[in-house]
Amino acid sequence: MDVVEPHLLTDKESGKTFTVSEVKLYGDVVIRWVSGNIAGPFVSDYQKCDSFPGVNIGIKRLDHCVGNVPSLLEAVGYITDFTEFHIFAEFTAENVGTLDSGLNSMVLASNNEMVLLPVNEPTFGTKRKSQIQTYLEQNVGPGVQHIALKTDDIFRPLTEMQKRSHLGGFEFMPRPNQLYYDQMPKRIGDALTKEQYKQIEQLGLLVDKDDQRILLQIFIKPLGDRATVFFETIELVGRMKDVAG
């Protein structure tokens, strides 16, 4: 199980020590454990970098990291055995699949629910191959499907990211058709203002709603030339139960 056995590192600025180890998560992905009273840069030999003026676009932190695996129950059993994470949410193909493609998913969470690790598996018997199966084939095994970046105001980072896209930045997935935005106010209701609906359409955002929260999101095209890892930017209002997407 261990990839890197526990070992001590010393922070050069403070002289304090902390323990680092790495454990296989799935495929060639590892999870790193860090314990101790850490001060200064994150780990030894890293140098602190000051932010450049004017480049803070409102991304707060990583929200969740989604993995794709061939067998959901096997992967979840393995991960929960050594992390003691709990199942935070669960989705089946009926909840998150389509007529053409499907998946099953479980969201694992740490005790304080600040670390969220959704895990997906493909389903079969649909008209088209599951997007999870396509990922597993093109990634040649399990791996990270996407990483979600959390913001408290999605309009700000998206506007800035789109301004920079012509400079070699991220490319966004194609926007939904006009009918999607025409029907959105009826589906979501008055929880969003007319100005917000206008901005959502202008930026090509996706919006979903359950009985607890509204999810505003946009997906970025895969980082390489295969349908593998990509980023997502999200804004949530309420308790998060919808990270399978």
C-alpha atoms as a PDB file:
ATOM      1  CA  MET A   1       0.000   0.000   0.000  1.00  0.00           C
ATOM      2  CA  ASP A   2       2.762   2.461   0.960  1.00  0.00           C
ATOM      3  CA  VAL A   3       4.362   4.362  -1.913  1.00  0.00           C
ATOM      4  CA  VAL A   4       6.535   6.529   0.338  1.00  0.00           C
ATOM      5  CA  GLU A   5       7.012   5.344   3.901  1.00  0.00           C
ATOM      6  CA  PRO A   6       6.598   7.905   6.700  1.00  0.00           C
ATOM      7  CA  HIS A   7       9.695  10.081   7.078  1.00  0.00           C
ATOM      8  CA  LEU A   8      10.626  13.324   8.794  1.00  0.00           C
ATOM      9  CA  LEU A   9      11.200  16.622   6.999  1.00  0.00           C
ATOM     10  CA  THR A  10      12.485  19.819   8.565  1.00  0.00           C
ATOM     11  CA  ASP A  11      11.177  23.262   7.750  1.00  0.00           C
ATOM     12  CA  LYS A  12      14.257  25.402   7.108  1.00  0.00           C
ATOM     13  CA  GLU A  13      12.629  28.657   8.196  1.00  0.00           C
ATOM     14  CA  SER A  14      11.307  27.474  11.570  1.00  0.00           C
ATOM     15  CA  GLY A  15      13.404  24.372  12.236  1.00  0.00           C
ATOM     16  CA  LYS A  16      10.218  22.415  13.027  1.00  0.00           C
ATOM     17  CA  THR A  17       9.825  18.848  11.808  1.00  0.00           C
ATOM     18  CA  PHE A  18       6.821  17.087  10.314  1.00  0.00           C
ATOM     19  CA  THR A  19       6.070  13.656   8.939  1.00  0.00           C
ATOM     20  CA  VAL A  20       5.187  12.950   5.317  1.00  0.00           C
ATOM     21  CA  SER A  21       4.061   9.709   3.692  1.00  0.00           C
ATOM     22  CA  GLU A  22       2.282   8.715   0.480  1.00  0.00           C
ATOM     23  CA  VAL A  23      -0.200   5.905  -0.119  1.00  0.00           C
ATOM     24  CA  LYS A  24      -1.577   4.543  -3.370  1.00  0.00           C
ATOM     25  CA  LEU A  25      -5.119   5.813  -3.994  1.00  0.00           C
ATOM     26  CA  TYR A  26      -6.050   4.272  -7.369  1.00  0.00           C
ATOM     27  CA  GLY A  27      -4.086   3.634 -10.558  1.00  0.00           C
ATOM     28  CA  ASP A  28      -0.865   5.640 -10.344  1.00  0.00           C
ATOM     29  CA  VAL A  29      -2.495   8.312  -8.141  1.00  0.00           C
ATOM     30  CA  VAL A  30      -1.226   8.729  -4.576  1.00  0.00           C
ATOM     31  CA  ILE A  31      -2.575  10.567  -1.552  1.00  0.00           C
ATOM     32  CA  ARG A  32      -0.068  12.402   0.637  1.00  0.00           C
ATOM     33  CA  TRP A  33      -0.352  12.520   4.411  1.00  0.00           C
ATOM     34  CA  VAL A  34       1.302  15.364   6.318  1.00  0.00           C
ATOM     35  CA  SER A  35       1.311  15.597  10.117  1.00  0.00           C
ATOM     36  CA  GLY A  36       3.041  17.980  12.477  1.00  0.00           C
ATOM     37  CA  ASN A  37       3.199  21.658  13.317  1.00  0.00           C
ATOM     38  CA  ILE A  38       3.988  23.096   9.886  1.00  0.00           C
ATOM     39  CA  ALA A  39       5.127  26.686   9.483  1.00  0.00           C
ATOM     40  CA  GLY A  40       6.458  28.580   6.499  1.00  0.00           C
ATOM     41  CA  PRO A  41       6.413  27.021   3.015  1.00  0.00           C
ATOM     42  CA  PHE A  42       4.364  23.835   2.674  1.00  0.00           C
ATOM     43  CA  VAL A  43       7.222  21.321   2.677  1.00  0.00           C
ATOM     44  CA  SER A  44      10.974  21.374   2.921  1.00  0.00           C
ATOM     45  CA  ASP A  45      12.891  22.959   0.012  1.00  0.00           C
ATOM     46  CA  TYR A  46       9.834  24.798  -1.326  1.00  0.00           C
ATOM     47  CA  GLN A  47      10.221  28.550  -1.591  1.00  0.00           C
ATOM     48  CA  LYS A  48       7.441  30.966  -0.815  1.00  0.00           C
ATOM     49  CA  CYS A  49       6.247  32.889  -3.862  1.00  0.00           C
ATOM     50  CA  ASP A  50       4.524  36.209  -3.441  1.00  0.00           C
ATOM     51  CA  SER A  51       1.421  36.711  -5.553  1.00  0.00           C
ATOM     52  CA  PHE A  52       1.770  39.015  -8.518  1.00  0.00           C
ATOM     53  CA  PRO A  53      -0.371  42.154  -8.270  1.00  0.00           C
ATOM     54  CA  GLY A  54      -3.693  41.884 -10.053  1.00  0.00           C
ATOM     55  CA  VAL A  55      -3.736  38.102 -10.663  1.00  0.00           C
ATOM     56  CA  ASN A  56      -6.097  37.104  -7.845  1.00  0.00           C
ATOM     57  CA  ILE A  57      -9.197  36.078  -9.770  1.00  0.00           C
ATOM     58  CA  GLY A  58     -11.238  34.793  -6.840  1.00  0.00           C
ATOM     59  CA  ILE A  59     -10.436  31.063  -6.706  1.00  0.00           C
ATOM     60  CA  LYS A  60     -10.596  30.119  -3.018  1.00  0.00           C
ATOM     61  CA  ARG A  61      -9.401  26.502  -2.852  1.00  0.00           C
ATOM     62  CA  LEU A  62      -9.707  23.013  -4.284  1.00  0.00           C
ATOM     63  CA  ASP A  63     -13.218  21.733  -3.624  1.00  0.00           C
ATOM     64  CA  HIS A  64     -13.020  18.088  -4.669  1.00  0.00           C
ATOM     65  CA  CYS A  65     -10.952  15.641  -6.700  1.00  0.00           C
ATOM     66  CA  VAL A  66     -12.831  13.019  -8.730  1.00  0.00           C
ATOM     67  CA  GLY A  67     -11.406   9.617  -9.656  1.00  0.00           C
ATOM     68  CA  ASN A  68     -12.545   7.135 -12.307  1.00  0.00           C
ATOM     69  CA  VAL A  69     -12.141   3.413 -11.597  1.00  0.00           C
ATOM     70  CA  PRO A  70     -13.386   0.144 -13.144  1.00  0.00           C
ATOM     71  CA  SER A  71     -15.041  -1.102  -9.920  1.00  0.00           C
ATOM     72  CA  LEU A  72     -16.634   1.419  -7.565  1.00  0.00           C
ATOM     73  CA  LEU A  73     -17.253  -0.805  -4.535  1.00  0.00           C
ATOM     74  CA  GLU A  74     -13.756  -2.268  -4.676  1.00  0.00           C
ATOM     75  CA  ALA A  75     -12.130   1.173  -4.817  1.00  0.00           C
ATOM     76  CA  VAL A  76     -14.377   2.658  -2.125  1.00  0.00           C
ATOM     77  CA  GLY A  77     -13.753  -0.298   0.199  1.00  0.00           C
ATOM     78  CA  TYR A  78     -10.002   0.026  -0.262  1.00  0.00           C
ATOM     79  CA  ILE A  79      -9.932   3.799   0.312  1.00  0.00           C
ATOM     80  CA  THR A  80     -12.246   3.806   3.341  1.00  0.00           C
ATOM     81  CA  ASP A  81     -10.227   1.017   4.974  1.00  0.00           C
ATOM     82  CA  PHE A  82      -7.111   3.157   5.335  1.00  0.00           C
ATOM     83  CA  THR A  83      -8.568   6.688   5.410  1.00  0.00           C
ATOM     84  CA  GLU A  84     -11.688   6.078   7.541  1.00  0.00           C
ATOM     85  CA  PHE A  85     -13.461   8.540   5.244  1.00  0.00           C
ATOM     86  CA  HIS A  86     -17.243   8.218   5.229  1.00  0.00           C
ATOM     87  CA  ILE A  87     -19.669   8.052   2.312  1.00  0.00           C
ATOM     88  CA  PHE A  88     -20.967  11.594   1.950  1.00  0.00           C
ATOM     89  CA  ALA A  89     -23.247  11.055  -1.045  1.00  0.00           C
ATOM     90  CA  GLU A  90     -24.106   8.337  -3.532  1.00  0.00           C
ATOM     91  CA  PHE A  91     -25.409   8.501  -7.099  1.00  0.00           C
ATOM     92  CA  THR A  92     -26.471   5.837  -9.590  1.00  0.00           C
ATOM     93  CA  ALA A  93     -26.863   5.913 -13.359  1.00  0.00           C
ATOM     94  CA  GLU A  94     -30.536   6.768 -12.801  1.00  0.00           C
ATOM     95  CA  ASN A  95     -29.519   9.985 -10.997  1.00  0.00           C
ATOM     96  CA  VAL A  96     -26.598  11.240 -13.085  1.00  0.00           C
ATOM     97  CA  GLY A  97     -26.626   9.195 -16.292  1.00  0.00           C
ATOM     98  CA  THR A  98     -28.333   9.830 -19.618  1.00  0.00           C
ATOM     99  CA  LEU A  99     -30.069   7.632 -22.142  1.00  0.00           C
ATOM    100  CA  ASP A 100     -26.777   7.433 -24.014  1.00  0.00           C
ATOM    101  CA  SER A 101     -24.210   7.066 -21.255  1.00  0.00           C
ATOM    102  CA  GLY A 102     -24.074   6.349 -17.526  1.00  0.00           C
ATOM    103  CA  LEU A 103     -22.023   6.096 -14.352  1.00  0.00           C
ATOM    104  CA  ASN A 104     -22.296   5.198 -10.692  1.00  0.00           C
ATOM    105  CA  SER A 105     -20.609   7.391  -8.102  1.00  0.00           C
ATOM    106  CA  MET A 106     -19.843   7.664  -4.387  1.00  0.00           C
ATOM    107  CA  VAL A 107     -18.444  10.727  -2.647  1.00  0.00           C
ATOM    108  CA  LEU A 108     -16.000  10.019   0.180  1.00  0.00           C
ATOM    109  CA  ALA A 109     -15.359  12.705   2.796  1.00  0.00           C
ATOM    110  CA  SER A 110     -13.052  13.353   5.715  1.00  0.00           C
ATOM    111  CA  ASN A 111     -14.554  13.847   9.175  1.00  0.00           C
ATOM    112  CA  ASN A 112     -14.803  17.626   8.732  1.00  0.00           C
ATOM    113  CA  GLU A 113     -15.943  17.163   5.100  1.00  0.00           C
ATOM    114  CA  MET A 114     -13.279  19.561   3.835  1.00  0.00           C
ATOM    115  CA  VAL A 115     -11.637  16.765   1.807  1.00  0.00           C
ATOM    116  CA  LEU A 116     -14.007  15.279  -0.785  1.00  0.00           C
ATOM    117  CA  LEU A 117     -13.007  12.365  -3.015  1.00  0.00           C
ATOM    118  CA  PRO A 118     -15.802  11.358  -5.412  1.00  0.00           C
ATOM    119  CA  VAL A 119     -15.201   8.052  -7.214  1.00  0.00           C
ATOM    120  CA  ASN A 120     -16.953   7.023 -10.457  1.00  0.00           C
ATOM    121  CA  GLU A 121     -17.378   3.733 -12.281  1.00  0.00           C
ATOM    122  CA  PRO A 122     -18.820   3.150 -15.777  1.00  0.00           C
ATOM    123  CA  THR A 123     -22.159   1.517 -16.454  1.00  0.00           C
ATOM    124  CA  PHE A 124     -22.964  -0.530 -19.518  1.00  0.00           C
ATOM    125  CA  GLY A 125     -25.943  -1.289 -21.734  1.00  0.00           C
ATOM    126  CA  THR A 126     -26.491   2.287 -22.948  1.00  0.00           C
ATOM    127  CA  LYS A 127     -26.539   3.481 -26.558  1.00  0.00           C
ATOM    128  CA  ARG A 128     -23.103   5.031 -26.249  1.00  0.00           C
ATOM    129  CA  LYS A 129     -20.045   3.994 -24.298  1.00  0.00           C
ATOM    130  CA  SER A 130     -19.919   5.473 -20.810  1.00  0.00           C
ATOM    131  CA  GLN A 131     -17.714   8.556 -20.567  1.00  0.00           C
ATOM    132  CA  ILE A 132     -16.034   6.842 -17.598  1.00  0.00           C
ATOM    133  CA  GLN A 133     -15.162   3.806 -19.711  1.00  0.00           C
ATOM    134  CA  THR A 134     -13.763   6.110 -22.404  1.00  0.00           C
ATOM    135  CA  TYR A 135     -11.609   7.764 -19.746  1.00  0.00           C
ATOM    136  CA  LEU A 136     -10.329   4.412 -18.433  1.00  0.00           C
ATOM    137  CA  GLU A 137      -9.345   3.345 -21.931  1.00  0.00           C
ATOM    138  CA  GLN A 138      -7.658   6.594 -22.891  1.00  0.00           C
ATOM    139  CA  ASN A 139      -5.947   6.967 -19.508  1.00  0.00           C
ATOM    140  CA  VAL A 140      -4.914   3.277 -19.640  1.00  0.00           C
ATOM    141  CA  GLY A 141      -6.395   2.617 -16.217  1.00  0.00           C
ATOM    142  CA  PRO A 142      -7.839   4.426 -13.194  1.00  0.00           C
ATOM    143  CA  GLY A 143      -6.922   8.041 -12.513  1.00  0.00           C
ATOM    144  CA  VAL A 144      -8.070  11.542 -11.618  1.00  0.00           C
ATOM    145  CA  GLN A 145     -10.935  12.623 -13.864  1.00  0.00           C
ATOM    146  CA  HIS A 146     -11.173  16.238 -12.745  1.00  0.00           C
ATOM    147  CA  ILE A 147     -10.314  18.717 -10.026  1.00  0.00           C
ATOM    148  CA  ALA A 148     -12.878  21.312  -8.953  1.00  0.00           C
ATOM    149  CA  LEU A 149     -11.857  24.872  -8.083  1.00  0.00           C
ATOM    150  CA  LYS A 150     -14.168  26.600  -5.626  1.00  0.00           C
ATOM    151  CA  THR A 151     -15.121  30.265  -5.739  1.00  0.00           C
ATOM    152  CA  ASP A 152     -17.629  32.439  -3.920  1.00  0.00           C
ATOM    153  CA  ASP A 153     -18.384  34.454  -7.066  1.00  0.00           C
ATOM    154  CA  ILE A 154     -18.074  32.380 -10.224  1.00  0.00           C
ATOM    155  CA  PHE A 155     -18.687  35.344 -12.517  1.00  0.00           C
ATOM    156  CA  ARG A 156     -15.406  36.977 -11.473  1.00  0.00           C
ATOM    157  CA  PRO A 157     -12.939  34.119 -12.209  1.00  0.00           C
ATOM    158  CA  LEU A 158     -14.792  33.041 -15.343  1.00  0.00           C
ATOM    159  CA  THR A 159     -14.706  36.545 -16.787  1.00  0.00           C
ATOM    160  CA  GLU A 160     -10.977  36.802 -16.068  1.00  0.00           C
ATOM    161  CA  MET A 161     -10.212  33.303 -17.382  1.00  0.00           C
ATOM    162  CA  GLN A 162     -12.053  33.967 -20.614  1.00  0.00           C
ATOM    163  CA  LYS A 163     -10.135  37.232 -21.049  1.00  0.00           C
ATOM    164  CA  ARG A 164      -6.893  35.249 -20.831  1.00  0.00           C
ATOM    165  CA  SER A 165      -7.933  32.282 -22.976  1.00  0.00           C
ATOM    166  CA  HIS A 166      -6.420  33.809 -26.133  1.00  0.00           C
ATOM    167  CA  LEU A 167      -3.054  33.956 -24.346  1.00  0.00           C
ATOM    168  CA  GLY A 168      -2.841  30.183 -24.068  1.00  0.00           C
ATOM    169  CA  GLY A 169      -5.087  29.721 -21.036  1.00  0.00           C
ATOM    170  CA  PHE A 170      -7.834  27.183 -20.489  1.00  0.00           C
ATOM    171  CA  GLU A 171     -10.383  26.345 -23.165  1.00  0.00           C
ATOM    172  CA  PHE A 172     -13.935  25.819 -21.996  1.00  0.00           C
ATOM    173  CA  MET A 173     -16.337  23.091 -23.067  1.00  0.00           C
ATOM    174  CA  PRO A 174     -19.005  24.184 -25.585  1.00  0.00           C
ATOM    175  CA  ARG A 175     -21.955  26.018 -24.059  1.00  0.00           C
ATOM    176  CA  PRO A 176     -25.443  24.423 -23.971  1.00  0.00           C
ATOM    177  CA  ASN A 177     -27.997  25.383 -26.604  1.00  0.00           C
ATOM    178  CA  GLN A 178     -30.264  28.406 -26.233  1.00  0.00           C
ATOM    179  CA  LEU A 179     -33.226  26.294 -25.061  1.00  0.00           C
ATOM    180  CA  TYR A 180     -31.228  25.371 -21.943  1.00  0.00           C
ATOM    181  CA  TYR A 181     -30.989  29.031 -20.928  1.00  0.00           C
ATOM    182  CA  ASP A 182     -34.549  29.864 -21.975  1.00  0.00           C
ATOM    183  CA  GLN A 183     -35.904  27.176 -19.641  1.00  0.00           C
ATOM    184  CA  MET A 184     -33.494  27.851 -16.756  1.00  0.00           C
ATOM    185  CA  PRO A 185     -35.558  30.492 -14.844  1.00  0.00           C
ATOM    186  CA  LYS A 186     -38.532  28.143 -14.726  1.00  0.00           C
ATOM    187  CA  ARG A 187     -36.353  25.234 -13.556  1.00  0.00           C
ATOM    188  CA  ILE A 188     -34.263  27.140 -10.979  1.00  0.00           C
ATOM    189  CA  GLY A 189     -36.792  29.777  -9.900  1.00  0.00           C
ATOM    190  CA  ASP A 190     -36.284  33.137  -8.252  1.00  0.00           C
ATOM    191  CA  ALA A 191     -33.235  32.050  -6.247  1.00  0.00           C
ATOM    192  CA  LEU A 192     -31.194  33.822  -8.940  1.00  0.00           C
ATOM    193  CA  THR A 193     -31.739  37.364 -10.147  1.00  0.00           C
ATOM    194  CA  LYS A 194     -32.405  38.425 -13.729  1.00  0.00           C
ATOM    195  CA  GLU A 195     -28.888  39.881 -13.873  1.00  0.00           C
ATOM    196  CA  GLN A 196     -27.403  36.584 -12.704  1.00  0.00           C
ATOM    197  CA  TYR A 197     -29.360  34.662 -15.346  1.00  0.00           C
ATOM    198  CA  LYS A 198     -28.005  37.085 -17.937  1.00  0.00           C
ATOM    199  CA  GLN A 199     -24.404  36.583 -16.770  1.00  0.00           C
ATOM    200  CA  ILE A 200     -24.863  32.795 -16.663  1.00  0.00           C
ATOM    201  CA  GLU A 201     -25.951  32.781 -20.299  1.00  0.00           C
ATOM    202  CA  GLN A 202     -23.165  35.144 -21.365  1.00  0.00           C
ATOM    203  CA  LEU A 203     -20.493  32.979 -19.742  1.00  0.00           C
ATOM    204  CA  GLY A 204     -21.998  29.618 -20.801  1.00  0.00           C
ATOM    205  CA  LEU A 205     -22.422  28.306 -17.259  1.00  0.00           C
ATOM    206  CA  LEU A 206     -24.332  25.210 -16.196  1.00  0.00           C
ATOM    207  CA  VAL A 207     -26.763  25.478 -13.278  1.00  0.00           C
ATOM    208  CA  ASP A 208     -28.311  22.725 -11.183  1.00  0.00           C
ATOM    209  CA  LYS A 209     -30.462  22.727  -8.081  1.00  0.00           C
ATOM    210  CA  ASP A 210     -31.490  20.276  -5.399  1.00  0.00           C
ATOM    211  CA  ASP A 211     -33.405  20.718  -2.147  1.00  0.00           C
ATOM    212  CA  GLN A 212     -30.336  22.156  -0.410  1.00  0.00           C
ATOM    213  CA  ARG A 213     -28.193  24.110  -2.815  1.00  0.00           C
ATOM    214  CA  ILE A 214     -27.735  25.671  -6.206  1.00  0.00           C
ATOM    215  CA  LEU A 215     -24.659  24.651  -8.171  1.00  0.00           C
ATOM    216  CA  LEU A 216     -23.123  26.951 -10.764  1.00  0.00           C
ATOM    217  CA  GLN A 217     -20.349  25.301 -12.758  1.00  0.00           C
ATOM    218  CA  ILE A 218     -18.336  25.237 -15.939  1.00  0.00           C
ATOM    219  CA  PHE A 219     -15.996  22.566 -17.271  1.00  0.00           C
ATOM    220  CA  ILE A 220     -12.657  23.144 -18.938  1.00  0.00           C
ATOM    221  CA  LYS A 221     -11.557  21.017 -21.873  1.00  0.00           C
ATOM    222  CA  PRO A 222      -9.144  18.157 -21.083  1.00  0.00           C
ATOM    223  CA  LEU A 223      -5.606  19.371 -20.524  1.00  0.00           C
ATOM    224  CA  GLY A 224      -4.094  16.965 -23.074  1.00  0.00           C
ATOM    225  CA  ASP A 225      -5.100  15.507 -26.411  1.00  0.00           C
ATOM    226  CA  ARG A 226      -7.089  12.681 -24.813  1.00  0.00           C
ATOM    227  CA  ALA A 227     -10.399  12.729 -22.926  1.00  0.00           C
ATOM    228  CA  THR A 228      -8.756  12.462 -19.519  1.00  0.00           C
ATOM    229  CA  VAL A 229      -8.049  14.984 -16.736  1.00  0.00           C
ATOM    230  CA  PHE A 230      -9.726  18.399 -16.726  1.00  0.00           C
ATOM    231  CA  PHE A 231     -10.656  21.213 -14.331  1.00  0.00           C
ATOM    232  CA  GLU A 232     -14.033  22.495 -13.202  1.00  0.00           C
ATOM    233  CA  THR A 233     -14.916  25.815 -11.569  1.00  0.00           C
ATOM    234  CA  ILE A 234     -17.882  25.849  -9.198  1.00  0.00           C
ATOM    235  CA  GLU A 235     -19.877  28.068  -6.891  1.00  0.00           C
ATOM    236  CA  LEU A 236     -22.184  26.453  -4.350  1.00  0.00           C
ATOM    237  CA  VAL A 237     -24.872  27.805  -2.067  1.00  0.00           C
ATOM    238  CA  GLY A 238     -25.904  25.375   0.708  1.00  0.00           C
ATOM    239  CA  ARG A 239     -24.658  21.936   1.728  1.00  0.00           C
ATOM    240  CA  MET A 240     -22.762  20.161  -1.022  1.00  0.00           C
ATOM    241  CA  LYS A 241     -24.349  16.923  -2.197  1.00  0.00           C
ATOM    242  CA  ASP A 242     -23.815  17.250  -5.932  1.00  0.00           C
ATOM    243  CA  VAL A 243     -20.121  16.735  -6.703  1.00  0.00           C
ATOM    244  CA  ALA A 244     -20.567  13.688  -8.932  1.00  0.00           C
ATOM    245  CA  GLY A 245     -20.782  15.780 -12.090  1.00  0.00           C
END
